[in-house]
Amino acid sequence: MLVLLIVLVAGCKKVEETDDFTTISLPESGLVRTFYREGDTVFIAGGETHSNGFMLTYDLRTDQVSTIVSGYQHSFYSVSRNPLNGLLYLGMDNSDLLIVDGDGEAGEHYIEEQYWVNDQQKQPLHEVHEVNSRLFYIGGGELQFGLIRKQLENDQFQQYEFNNELRSLVSLGGNKLLAVGNGIQITSNDLGETWTRKSSPSAYFTSVCFDENTATGWMTTFQGGIYKTTDGGENWNREQTPISTLRSPFYLKRIKLLNSNNYDAIAVGNNGSLAVKQTDKPWALIHLSLDDDLSDFIVINNQLWIAAKGKLIIYPL
């Protein structure tokens, strides 16, 4: 096993580089952007920007991969089951949704004119979350465009547009939501009906996660900064200083809670960046020995399955 310590340009913090992982090749060569798991089935979706969108399924019982959608004109960034009709809804790179039924038939979601998104705001829907039996999609791009799409009872999606790029959303409990992005944190106390900008550190926030049971959460920033809250999202304190390595910026783009196996949270990002927070230990910063942009991950059998280009990276915990 190759283990190399790289000294950072800023500060004395070290990043471990490792090749202690395996890979699973996929029948699609595009970038895997998201996972969605239901029982023994893992949905794997992605594609290139504005082309070659795909969705696969991985059967954990048989280790078989099946293609559901391939070569679509838009890339897929987020996947969830619609609680109103039971169909799969895929968030695309143009702020629209693709619906996939149980037979694998796909069709774009019909949007009534009053819910159309401004052309400038048509950016990738980076994440989707189900909160109180409603789907919330959040997206943005080009640093200055942000969008939240809230599911209504008639299965239309009300849009809320912002002048800052948005990247991530989380429930803080009850009807309270938090969304973050480029230099912005916004909150809602009425399940997304209205949004208020809150005071926050000046940073490009890329992802947020939160545990309602402990009122604890973390946020990642461009170049690897990590902030933590222990008071329900009211205050965020920097737990990991933003860093740059000799190799490239240490960029984190997706963070999730684990709350199991002595791990609190894990984050992944571009250029093989990986940050691991074990309980009662500081963040471990790791570069996997590859140049892939890592967009998402899930935990299966005490392993990280990490989204990469044309493959899955299997990293042992």
C-alpha atoms as a PDB file:
ATOM      1  CA  MET A   1       0.000   0.000   0.000  1.00  0.00           C
ATOM      2  CA  LEU A   2       1.321   3.389  -0.994  1.00  0.00           C
ATOM      3  CA  VAL A   3       1.109   6.018   1.727  1.00  0.00           C
ATOM      4  CA  LEU A   4       2.612   9.432   1.097  1.00  0.00           C
ATOM      5  CA  LEU A   5       2.328  12.501   3.289  1.00  0.00           C
ATOM      6  CA  ILE A   6       2.044  15.772   1.402  1.00  0.00           C
ATOM      7  CA  VAL A   7       2.879  18.942   3.308  1.00  0.00           C
ATOM      8  CA  LEU A   8       0.397  21.706   2.685  1.00  0.00           C
ATOM      9  CA  VAL A   9       1.365  25.116   1.404  1.00  0.00           C
ATOM     10  CA  ALA A  10      -0.831  26.791   4.022  1.00  0.00           C
ATOM     11  CA  GLY A  11      -0.022  25.583   7.526  1.00  0.00           C
ATOM     12  CA  CYS A  12       1.455  22.318   8.742  1.00  0.00           C
ATOM     13  CA  LYS A  13      -1.603  20.140   8.268  1.00  0.00           C
ATOM     14  CA  LYS A  14      -0.766  17.021   6.285  1.00  0.00           C
ATOM     15  CA  VAL A  15      -2.783  15.147   3.702  1.00  0.00           C
ATOM     16  CA  GLU A  16      -2.333  11.426   3.385  1.00  0.00           C
ATOM     17  CA  GLU A  17      -2.220  10.047  -0.149  1.00  0.00           C
ATOM     18  CA  THR A  18      -3.267   6.436  -0.494  1.00  0.00           C
ATOM     19  CA  ASP A  19      -4.018   3.767  -3.075  1.00  0.00           C
ATOM     20  CA  ASP A  20      -5.755   1.573  -0.497  1.00  0.00           C
ATOM     21  CA  PHE A  21      -8.949   1.196  -2.503  1.00  0.00           C
ATOM     22  CA  THR A  22     -10.454  -0.898  -5.268  1.00  0.00           C
ATOM     23  CA  THR A  23     -12.693   0.036  -8.194  1.00  0.00           C
ATOM     24  CA  ILE A  24     -15.763  -1.337  -9.952  1.00  0.00           C
ATOM     25  CA  SER A  25     -16.017  -0.479 -13.656  1.00  0.00           C
ATOM     26  CA  LEU A  26     -19.407   0.608 -14.971  1.00  0.00           C
ATOM     27  CA  PRO A  27     -20.968   0.223 -18.437  1.00  0.00           C
ATOM     28  CA  GLU A  28     -21.114   4.042 -18.715  1.00  0.00           C
ATOM     29  CA  SER A  29     -17.952   6.143 -19.081  1.00  0.00           C
ATOM     30  CA  GLY A  30     -19.451   9.393 -17.792  1.00  0.00           C
ATOM     31  CA  LEU A  31     -19.089  10.981 -14.378  1.00  0.00           C
ATOM     32  CA  VAL A  32     -21.185   9.378 -11.649  1.00  0.00           C
ATOM     33  CA  ARG A  33     -22.842  12.254  -9.787  1.00  0.00           C
ATOM     34  CA  THR A  34     -25.274  10.683  -7.319  1.00  0.00           C
ATOM     35  CA  PHE A  35     -26.475   7.543  -5.548  1.00  0.00           C
ATOM     36  CA  TYR A  36     -29.926   6.606  -4.298  1.00  0.00           C
ATOM     37  CA  ARG A  37     -30.461   3.370  -2.384  1.00  0.00           C
ATOM     38  CA  GLU A  38     -33.646   1.350  -1.865  1.00  0.00           C
ATOM     39  CA  GLY A  39     -33.057  -1.925  -0.019  1.00  0.00           C
ATOM     40  CA  ASP A  40     -30.664  -4.074  -2.050  1.00  0.00           C
ATOM     41  CA  THR A  41     -30.857  -1.796  -5.099  1.00  0.00           C
ATOM     42  CA  VAL A  42     -28.515   1.143  -5.605  1.00  0.00           C
ATOM     43  CA  PHE A  43     -29.439   3.669  -8.290  1.00  0.00           C
ATOM     44  CA  ILE A  44     -26.365   5.244  -9.901  1.00  0.00           C
ATOM     45  CA  ALA A  45     -26.828   8.345 -12.062  1.00  0.00           C
ATOM     46  CA  GLY A  46     -24.704  10.985 -13.794  1.00  0.00           C
ATOM     47  CA  GLY A  47     -23.386  12.047 -17.177  1.00  0.00           C
ATOM     48  CA  GLU A  48     -21.493  14.885 -18.789  1.00  0.00           C
ATOM     49  CA  THR A  49     -22.771  18.459 -18.768  1.00  0.00           C
ATOM     50  CA  HIS A  50     -25.759  18.709 -21.140  1.00  0.00           C
ATOM     51  CA  SER A  51     -25.141  15.259 -22.616  1.00  0.00           C
ATOM     52  CA  ASN A  52     -24.974  11.496 -22.073  1.00  0.00           C
ATOM     53  CA  GLY A  53     -27.162  11.307 -18.981  1.00  0.00           C
ATOM     54  CA  PHE A  54     -27.431   7.793 -17.556  1.00  0.00           C
ATOM     55  CA  MET A  55     -28.987   5.868 -14.697  1.00  0.00           C
ATOM     56  CA  LEU A  56     -27.947   2.367 -13.678  1.00  0.00           C
ATOM     57  CA  THR A  57     -29.025  -0.036 -10.962  1.00  0.00           C
ATOM     58  CA  TYR A  58     -26.643  -2.154  -8.917  1.00  0.00           C
ATOM     59  CA  ASP A  59     -28.142  -5.269  -7.298  1.00  0.00           C
ATOM     60  CA  LEU A  60     -26.279  -5.891  -4.035  1.00  0.00           C
ATOM     61  CA  ARG A  61     -27.481  -9.504  -3.903  1.00  0.00           C
ATOM     62  CA  THR A  62     -26.109 -10.510  -7.291  1.00  0.00           C
ATOM     63  CA  ASP A  63     -23.534  -7.775  -8.008  1.00  0.00           C
ATOM     64  CA  GLN A  64     -25.272  -7.213 -11.334  1.00  0.00           C
ATOM     65  CA  VAL A  65     -25.417  -3.795 -13.010  1.00  0.00           C
ATOM     66  CA  SER A  66     -28.374  -2.919 -15.273  1.00  0.00           C
ATOM     67  CA  THR A  67     -28.859   0.126 -17.490  1.00  0.00           C
ATOM     68  CA  ILE A  68     -32.147   1.998 -17.074  1.00  0.00           C
ATOM     69  CA  VAL A  69     -31.424   5.228 -18.976  1.00  0.00           C
ATOM     70  CA  SER A  70     -28.470   5.872 -21.319  1.00  0.00           C
ATOM     71  CA  GLY A  71     -27.374   8.642 -23.673  1.00  0.00           C
ATOM     72  CA  TYR A  72     -29.921  11.190 -22.461  1.00  0.00           C
ATOM     73  CA  GLN A  73     -29.503  14.774 -23.632  1.00  0.00           C
ATOM     74  CA  HIS A  74     -29.026  16.083 -20.078  1.00  0.00           C
ATOM     75  CA  SER A  75     -26.908  14.906 -17.172  1.00  0.00           C
ATOM     76  CA  PHE A  76     -28.500  13.711 -13.906  1.00  0.00           C
ATOM     77  CA  TYR A  77     -27.396  15.218 -10.590  1.00  0.00           C
ATOM     78  CA  SER A  78     -29.967  13.966  -8.067  1.00  0.00           C
ATOM     79  CA  VAL A  79     -32.429  11.069  -7.702  1.00  0.00           C
ATOM     80  CA  SER A  80     -35.344  10.418  -5.342  1.00  0.00           C
ATOM     81  CA  ARG A  81     -38.621   8.557  -5.129  1.00  0.00           C
ATOM     82  CA  ASN A  82     -41.602  10.905  -5.389  1.00  0.00           C
ATOM     83  CA  PRO A  83     -43.699  10.407  -2.211  1.00  0.00           C
ATOM     84  CA  LEU A  84     -46.877  11.463  -4.061  1.00  0.00           C
ATOM     85  CA  ASN A  85     -46.823   8.915  -6.889  1.00  0.00           C
ATOM     86  CA  GLY A  86     -43.987   6.464  -6.200  1.00  0.00           C
ATOM     87  CA  LEU A  87     -42.054   7.271  -9.381  1.00  0.00           C
ATOM     88  CA  LEU A  88     -38.368   8.119  -9.626  1.00  0.00           C
ATOM     89  CA  TYR A  89     -37.617  11.796 -10.211  1.00  0.00           C
ATOM     90  CA  LEU A  90     -34.183  12.771 -11.526  1.00  0.00           C
ATOM     91  CA  GLY A  91     -32.859  16.332 -11.172  1.00  0.00           C
ATOM     92  CA  MET A  92     -31.095  17.410 -14.377  1.00  0.00           C
ATOM     93  CA  ASP A  93     -28.477  19.976 -15.401  1.00  0.00           C
ATOM     94  CA  ASN A  94     -31.143  22.345 -16.795  1.00  0.00           C
ATOM     95  CA  SER A  95     -33.237  22.589 -13.591  1.00  0.00           C
ATOM     96  CA  ASP A  96     -35.880  20.253 -15.039  1.00  0.00           C
ATOM     97  CA  LEU A  97     -36.924  16.793 -13.872  1.00  0.00           C
ATOM     98  CA  LEU A  98     -36.999  13.430 -15.613  1.00  0.00           C
ATOM     99  CA  ILE A  99     -39.584  10.867 -14.457  1.00  0.00           C
ATOM    100  CA  VAL A 100     -38.781   7.144 -14.669  1.00  0.00           C
ATOM    101  CA  ASP A 101     -41.548   4.601 -14.056  1.00  0.00           C
ATOM    102  CA  GLY A 102     -41.329   1.004 -12.887  1.00  0.00           C
ATOM    103  CA  ASP A 103     -40.828  -0.264 -16.448  1.00  0.00           C
ATOM    104  CA  GLY A 104     -37.885   2.051 -17.049  1.00  0.00           C
ATOM    105  CA  GLU A 105     -39.854   4.367 -19.302  1.00  0.00           C
ATOM    106  CA  ALA A 106     -38.620   7.961 -19.023  1.00  0.00           C
ATOM    107  CA  GLY A 107     -40.303  11.276 -19.750  1.00  0.00           C
ATOM    108  CA  GLU A 108     -39.711  14.863 -18.688  1.00  0.00           C
ATOM    109  CA  HIS A 109     -41.894  16.276 -15.938  1.00  0.00           C
ATOM    110  CA  TYR A 110     -44.588  18.612 -17.263  1.00  0.00           C
ATOM    111  CA  ILE A 111     -44.144  22.107 -15.875  1.00  0.00           C
ATOM    112  CA  GLU A 112     -47.053  24.538 -15.942  1.00  0.00           C
ATOM    113  CA  GLU A 113     -46.058  27.950 -17.300  1.00  0.00           C
ATOM    114  CA  GLN A 114     -46.437  29.675 -13.942  1.00  0.00           C
ATOM    115  CA  TYR A 115     -43.687  27.420 -12.578  1.00  0.00           C
ATOM    116  CA  TRP A 116     -41.208  27.899 -15.429  1.00  0.00           C
ATOM    117  CA  VAL A 117     -37.667  28.735 -14.390  1.00  0.00           C
ATOM    118  CA  ASN A 118     -35.933  31.841 -15.732  1.00  0.00           C
ATOM    119  CA  ASP A 119     -33.516  30.773 -18.493  1.00  0.00           C
ATOM    120  CA  GLN A 120     -30.539  32.226 -16.623  1.00  0.00           C
ATOM    121  CA  GLN A 121     -31.427  30.146 -13.590  1.00  0.00           C
ATOM    122  CA  LYS A 122     -31.437  26.851 -15.516  1.00  0.00           C
ATOM    123  CA  GLN A 123     -28.592  25.240 -13.613  1.00  0.00           C
ATOM    124  CA  PRO A 124     -27.913  21.741 -12.236  1.00  0.00           C
ATOM    125  CA  LEU A 125     -30.178  20.485  -9.459  1.00  0.00           C
ATOM    126  CA  HIS A 126     -27.328  19.331  -7.216  1.00  0.00           C
ATOM    127  CA  GLU A 127     -29.366  17.707  -4.451  1.00  0.00           C
ATOM    128  CA  VAL A 128     -32.839  16.494  -3.576  1.00  0.00           C
ATOM    129  CA  HIS A 129     -34.265  15.949  -0.085  1.00  0.00           C
ATOM    130  CA  GLU A 130     -37.611  14.683   1.134  1.00  0.00           C
ATOM    131  CA  VAL A 131     -38.892  16.841   4.000  1.00  0.00           C
ATOM    132  CA  ASN A 132     -42.360  16.306   5.487  1.00  0.00           C
ATOM    133  CA  SER A 133     -43.414  14.195   2.475  1.00  0.00           C
ATOM    134  CA  ARG A 134     -42.355  16.839  -0.053  1.00  0.00           C
ATOM    135  CA  LEU A 135     -39.334  16.907  -2.353  1.00  0.00           C
ATOM    136  CA  PHE A 136     -36.981  19.873  -2.325  1.00  0.00           C
ATOM    137  CA  TYR A 137     -34.460  20.283  -5.128  1.00  0.00           C
ATOM    138  CA  ILE A 138     -31.611  22.779  -4.825  1.00  0.00           C
ATOM    139  CA  GLY A 139     -29.341  23.926  -7.617  1.00  0.00           C
ATOM    140  CA  GLY A 140     -27.251  26.668  -9.056  1.00  0.00           C
ATOM    141  CA  GLY A 141     -24.212  27.585 -11.088  1.00  0.00           C
ATOM    142  CA  GLU A 142     -21.845  30.218 -12.405  1.00  0.00           C
ATOM    143  CA  LEU A 143     -21.443  31.548  -8.830  1.00  0.00           C
ATOM    144  CA  GLN A 144     -24.429  33.884  -9.186  1.00  0.00           C
ATOM    145  CA  PHE A 145     -27.515  31.772  -9.911  1.00  0.00           C
ATOM    146  CA  GLY A 146     -29.396  29.795  -7.282  1.00  0.00           C
ATOM    147  CA  LEU A 147     -32.666  27.867  -7.326  1.00  0.00           C
ATOM    148  CA  ILE A 148     -34.847  25.944  -4.886  1.00  0.00           C
ATOM    149  CA  ARG A 149     -37.768  23.908  -6.244  1.00  0.00           C
ATOM    150  CA  LYS A 150     -40.408  22.874  -3.700  1.00  0.00           C
ATOM    151  CA  GLN A 151     -42.936  20.153  -4.506  1.00  0.00           C
ATOM    152  CA  LEU A 152     -46.588  21.186  -4.239  1.00  0.00           C
ATOM    153  CA  GLU A 153     -49.662  19.023  -3.652  1.00  0.00           C
ATOM    154  CA  ASN A 154     -50.466  19.043  -7.384  1.00  0.00           C
ATOM    155  CA  ASP A 155     -46.955  17.689  -8.138  1.00  0.00           C
ATOM    156  CA  GLN A 156     -45.836  20.968  -9.632  1.00  0.00           C
ATOM    157  CA  PHE A 157     -42.678  22.529  -8.221  1.00  0.00           C
ATOM    158  CA  GLN A 158     -42.675  26.104  -6.968  1.00  0.00           C
ATOM    159  CA  GLN A 159     -39.382  27.820  -7.791  1.00  0.00           C
ATOM    160  CA  TYR A 160     -37.464  30.284  -5.638  1.00  0.00           C
ATOM    161  CA  GLU A 161     -34.642  32.093  -7.427  1.00  0.00           C
ATOM    162  CA  PHE A 162     -31.593  33.737  -5.838  1.00  0.00           C
ATOM    163  CA  ASN A 163     -28.618  35.824  -6.951  1.00  0.00           C
ATOM    164  CA  ASN A 164     -26.044  33.512  -5.350  1.00  0.00           C
ATOM    165  CA  GLU A 165     -25.181  30.013  -6.479  1.00  0.00           C
ATOM    166  CA  LEU A 166     -26.828  27.439  -4.183  1.00  0.00           C
ATOM    167  CA  ARG A 167     -25.408  23.972  -3.597  1.00  0.00           C
ATOM    168  CA  SER A 168     -26.975  22.184  -0.628  1.00  0.00           C
ATOM    169  CA  LEU A 169     -30.058  22.024   1.598  1.00  0.00           C
ATOM    170  CA  VAL A 170     -30.889  20.338   4.891  1.00  0.00           C
ATOM    171  CA  SER A 171     -33.783  20.072   7.332  1.00  0.00           C
ATOM    172  CA  LEU A 172     -33.103  21.542  10.777  1.00  0.00           C
ATOM    173  CA  GLY A 173     -36.229  19.901  12.200  1.00  0.00           C
ATOM    174  CA  GLY A 174     -39.935  20.659  11.958  1.00  0.00           C
ATOM    175  CA  ASN A 175     -40.570  23.217   9.213  1.00  0.00           C
ATOM    176  CA  LYS A 176     -37.110  24.786   9.446  1.00  0.00           C
ATOM    177  CA  LEU A 177     -34.702  24.497   6.506  1.00  0.00           C
ATOM    178  CA  LEU A 178     -31.178  25.709   5.792  1.00  0.00           C
ATOM    179  CA  ALA A 179     -29.702  26.199   2.313  1.00  0.00           C
ATOM    180  CA  VAL A 180     -26.097  27.155   1.553  1.00  0.00           C
ATOM    181  CA  GLY A 181     -24.012  28.211  -1.426  1.00  0.00           C
ATOM    182  CA  ASN A 182     -21.565  30.790  -2.695  1.00  0.00           C
ATOM    183  CA  GLY A 183     -21.141  33.202   0.214  1.00  0.00           C
ATOM    184  CA  ILE A 184     -24.681  32.613   1.420  1.00  0.00           C
ATOM    185  CA  GLN A 185     -26.737  30.857   4.069  1.00  0.00           C
ATOM    186  CA  ILE A 186     -30.522  31.178   3.946  1.00  0.00           C
ATOM    187  CA  THR A 187     -33.135  29.777   6.314  1.00  0.00           C
ATOM    188  CA  SER A 188     -36.854  29.081   6.167  1.00  0.00           C
ATOM    189  CA  ASN A 189     -39.151  28.597   9.150  1.00  0.00           C
ATOM    190  CA  ASP A 190     -42.218  27.710   7.081  1.00  0.00           C
ATOM    191  CA  LEU A 191     -41.089  24.717   5.002  1.00  0.00           C
ATOM    192  CA  GLY A 192     -39.688  26.794   2.156  1.00  0.00           C
ATOM    193  CA  GLU A 193     -42.505  29.294   1.683  1.00  0.00           C
ATOM    194  CA  THR A 194     -40.235  32.222   2.583  1.00  0.00           C
ATOM    195  CA  TRP A 195     -36.458  32.494   2.902  1.00  0.00           C
ATOM    196  CA  THR A 196     -34.277  34.817   4.985  1.00  0.00           C
ATOM    197  CA  ARG A 197     -30.578  35.434   4.571  1.00  0.00           C
ATOM    198  CA  LYS A 198     -28.632  34.879   7.781  1.00  0.00           C
ATOM    199  CA  SER A 199     -25.277  36.221   8.898  1.00  0.00           C
ATOM    200  CA  SER A 200     -22.510  33.737   8.108  1.00  0.00           C
ATOM    201  CA  PRO A 201     -18.773  33.463   7.521  1.00  0.00           C
ATOM    202  CA  SER A 202     -17.581  34.637   4.109  1.00  0.00           C
ATOM    203  CA  ALA A 203     -17.047  31.367   2.258  1.00  0.00           C
ATOM    204  CA  TYR A 204     -18.197  29.319  -0.717  1.00  0.00           C
ATOM    205  CA  PHE A 205     -20.249  26.638   1.026  1.00  0.00           C
ATOM    206  CA  THR A 206     -20.540  23.469  -1.047  1.00  0.00           C
ATOM    207  CA  SER A 207     -22.485  21.062   1.180  1.00  0.00           C
ATOM    208  CA  VAL A 208     -24.211  20.771   4.547  1.00  0.00           C
ATOM    209  CA  CYS A 209     -25.416  17.887   6.741  1.00  0.00           C
ATOM    210  CA  PHE A 210     -27.315  17.927  10.016  1.00  0.00           C
ATOM    211  CA  ASP A 211     -28.456  15.511  12.738  1.00  0.00           C
ATOM    212  CA  GLU A 212     -31.806  16.648  14.149  1.00  0.00           C
ATOM    213  CA  ASN A 213     -31.440  14.337  17.162  1.00  0.00           C
ATOM    214  CA  THR A 214     -28.214  15.946  18.409  1.00  0.00           C
ATOM    215  CA  ALA A 215     -28.613  19.429  16.818  1.00  0.00           C
ATOM    216  CA  THR A 216     -25.129  18.890  15.342  1.00  0.00           C
ATOM    217  CA  GLY A 217     -24.030  19.401  11.749  1.00  0.00           C
ATOM    218  CA  TRP A 218     -21.162  20.228   9.426  1.00  0.00           C
ATOM    219  CA  MET A 219     -20.650  22.371   6.318  1.00  0.00           C
ATOM    220  CA  THR A 220     -17.871  22.095   3.732  1.00  0.00           C
ATOM    221  CA  THR A 221     -16.341  24.945   1.766  1.00  0.00           C
ATOM    222  CA  PHE A 222     -14.297  25.453  -1.347  1.00  0.00           C
ATOM    223  CA  GLN A 223     -10.691  24.303  -0.711  1.00  0.00           C
ATOM    224  CA  GLY A 224     -11.556  22.065   2.169  1.00  0.00           C
ATOM    225  CA  GLY A 225     -12.775  24.253   5.018  1.00  0.00           C
ATOM    226  CA  ILE A 226     -15.229  22.590   7.404  1.00  0.00           C
ATOM    227  CA  TYR A 227     -17.602  24.330   9.840  1.00  0.00           C
ATOM    228  CA  LYS A 228     -19.527  22.707  12.700  1.00  0.00           C
ATOM    229  CA  THR A 229     -22.693  23.603  14.603  1.00  0.00           C
ATOM    230  CA  THR A 230     -23.803  22.169  17.936  1.00  0.00           C
ATOM    231  CA  ASP A 231     -26.794  24.458  18.510  1.00  0.00           C
ATOM    232  CA  GLY A 232     -29.196  23.531  15.745  1.00  0.00           C
ATOM    233  CA  GLY A 233     -27.573  25.626  13.020  1.00  0.00           C
ATOM    234  CA  GLU A 234     -27.692  28.964  14.824  1.00  0.00           C
ATOM    235  CA  ASN A 235     -23.907  29.284  14.953  1.00  0.00           C
ATOM    236  CA  TRP A 236     -21.198  27.658  12.858  1.00  0.00           C
ATOM    237  CA  ASN A 237     -17.578  27.468  14.022  1.00  0.00           C
ATOM    238  CA  ARG A 238     -14.647  26.549  11.823  1.00  0.00           C
ATOM    239  CA  GLU A 239     -13.384  23.066  12.661  1.00  0.00           C
ATOM    240  CA  GLN A 240     -11.026  22.572   9.700  1.00  0.00           C
ATOM    241  CA  THR A 241      -9.090  25.439   8.089  1.00  0.00           C
ATOM    242  CA  PRO A 242      -9.314  25.765   4.272  1.00  0.00           C
ATOM    243  CA  ILE A 243      -6.187  24.291   2.696  1.00  0.00           C
ATOM    244  CA  SER A 244      -4.254  24.038  -0.569  1.00  0.00           C
ATOM    245  CA  THR A 245      -1.798  21.280  -1.369  1.00  0.00           C
ATOM    246  CA  LEU A 246       1.220  21.235  -3.636  1.00  0.00           C
ATOM    247  CA  ARG A 247      -0.822  19.009  -5.907  1.00  0.00           C
ATOM    248  CA  SER A 248      -4.081  20.923  -6.228  1.00  0.00           C
ATOM    249  CA  PRO A 249      -6.788  22.624  -4.177  1.00  0.00           C
ATOM    250  CA  PHE A 250      -8.345  20.282  -1.624  1.00  0.00           C
ATOM    251  CA  TYR A 251     -11.944  20.754  -2.730  1.00  0.00           C
ATOM    252  CA  LEU A 252     -14.867  19.196  -0.848  1.00  0.00           C
ATOM    253  CA  LYS A 253     -18.272  19.110  -2.549  1.00  0.00           C
ATOM    254  CA  ARG A 254     -20.484  16.624  -0.648  1.00  0.00           C
ATOM    255  CA  ILE A 255     -20.669  15.875   3.076  1.00  0.00           C
ATOM    256  CA  LYS A 256     -22.914  13.360   4.828  1.00  0.00           C
ATOM    257  CA  LEU A 257     -23.516  12.085   8.350  1.00  0.00           C
ATOM    258  CA  LEU A 258     -22.559   8.548   9.274  1.00  0.00           C
ATOM    259  CA  ASN A 259     -23.318   8.251  13.019  1.00  0.00           C
ATOM    260  CA  SER A 260     -22.142   4.641  12.966  1.00  0.00           C
ATOM    261  CA  ASN A 261     -18.978   2.573  13.181  1.00  0.00           C
ATOM    262  CA  ASN A 262     -17.268   5.330  15.195  1.00  0.00           C
ATOM    263  CA  TYR A 263     -17.574   7.807  12.318  1.00  0.00           C
ATOM    264  CA  ASP A 264     -19.398  11.138  12.554  1.00  0.00           C
ATOM    265  CA  ALA A 265     -19.248  12.425   8.962  1.00  0.00           C
ATOM    266  CA  ILE A 266     -17.397  12.038   5.667  1.00  0.00           C
ATOM    267  CA  ALA A 267     -16.897  14.410   2.746  1.00  0.00           C
ATOM    268  CA  VAL A 268     -15.636  13.906  -0.814  1.00  0.00           C
ATOM    269  CA  GLY A 269     -14.589  16.282  -3.577  1.00  0.00           C
ATOM    270  CA  ASN A 270     -12.536  16.982  -6.668  1.00  0.00           C
ATOM    271  CA  ASN A 271      -9.121  15.503  -7.476  1.00  0.00           C
ATOM    272  CA  GLY A 272      -9.702  12.487  -5.248  1.00  0.00           C
ATOM    273  CA  SER A 273     -10.249  14.566  -2.087  1.00  0.00           C
ATOM    274  CA  LEU A 274     -11.614  12.730   0.955  1.00  0.00           C
ATOM    275  CA  ALA A 275     -12.149  13.996   4.531  1.00  0.00           C
ATOM    276  CA  VAL A 276     -13.034  11.574   7.330  1.00  0.00           C
ATOM    277  CA  LYS A 277     -14.252  12.527  10.815  1.00  0.00           C
ATOM    278  CA  GLN A 278     -14.004   9.725  13.344  1.00  0.00           C
ATOM    279  CA  THR A 279     -15.713  10.212  16.690  1.00  0.00           C
ATOM    280  CA  ASP A 280     -13.565  12.208  19.139  1.00  0.00           C
ATOM    281  CA  LYS A 281     -10.809  12.644  16.557  1.00  0.00           C
ATOM    282  CA  PRO A 282      -9.839  15.531  14.263  1.00  0.00           C
ATOM    283  CA  TRP A 283     -10.616  15.429  10.554  1.00  0.00           C
ATOM    284  CA  ALA A 284      -8.331  13.142   8.530  1.00  0.00           C
ATOM    285  CA  LEU A 285      -7.580  14.641   5.103  1.00  0.00           C
ATOM    286  CA  ILE A 286      -6.854  12.128   2.350  1.00  0.00           C
ATOM    287  CA  HIS A 287      -6.065  12.233  -1.355  1.00  0.00           C
ATOM    288  CA  LEU A 288      -6.931   9.059  -3.216  1.00  0.00           C
ATOM    289  CA  SER A 289      -4.221   8.400  -5.795  1.00  0.00           C
ATOM    290  CA  LEU A 290      -6.299   9.381  -8.815  1.00  0.00           C
ATOM    291  CA  ASP A 291      -7.502  12.624 -10.400  1.00  0.00           C
ATOM    292  CA  ASP A 292     -11.229  11.864 -10.505  1.00  0.00           C
ATOM    293  CA  ASP A 293     -13.794  14.361  -9.280  1.00  0.00           C
ATOM    294  CA  LEU A 294     -15.755  12.650  -6.505  1.00  0.00           C
ATOM    295  CA  SER A 295     -19.371  13.817  -6.322  1.00  0.00           C
ATOM    296  CA  ASP A 296     -21.171  11.524  -3.880  1.00  0.00           C
ATOM    297  CA  PHE A 297     -20.855   8.390  -1.745  1.00  0.00           C
ATOM    298  CA  ILE A 298     -22.841   5.823   0.209  1.00  0.00           C
ATOM    299  CA  VAL A 299     -21.797   3.345   2.896  1.00  0.00           C
ATOM    300  CA  ILE A 300     -22.299  -0.357   2.148  1.00  0.00           C
ATOM    301  CA  ASN A 301     -20.977  -3.146   4.370  1.00  0.00           C
ATOM    302  CA  ASN A 302     -18.479  -0.883   6.166  1.00  0.00           C
ATOM    303  CA  GLN A 303     -17.120   0.404   2.882  1.00  0.00           C
ATOM    304  CA  LEU A 304     -17.415   3.744   1.154  1.00  0.00           C
ATOM    305  CA  TRP A 305     -18.780   3.483  -2.370  1.00  0.00           C
ATOM    306  CA  ILE A 306     -17.607   6.702  -3.983  1.00  0.00           C
ATOM    307  CA  ALA A 307     -18.878   8.155  -7.263  1.00  0.00           C
ATOM    308  CA  ALA A 308     -16.132   8.640  -9.883  1.00  0.00           C
ATOM    309  CA  LYS A 309     -15.796   8.785 -13.669  1.00  0.00           C
ATOM    310  CA  GLY A 310     -16.976   5.546 -15.265  1.00  0.00           C
ATOM    311  CA  LYS A 311     -16.439   3.611 -12.057  1.00  0.00           C
ATOM    312  CA  LEU A 312     -17.101   3.245  -8.354  1.00  0.00           C
ATOM    313  CA  ILE A 313     -14.295   3.568  -5.831  1.00  0.00           C
ATOM    314  CA  ILE A 314     -14.512   1.158  -2.904  1.00  0.00           C
ATOM    315  CA  TYR A 315     -12.710   2.535   0.141  1.00  0.00           C
ATOM    316  CA  PRO A 316     -12.509   0.499   3.384  1.00  0.00           C
ATOM    317  CA  LEU A 317     -13.604   2.091   6.653  1.00  0.00           C
END
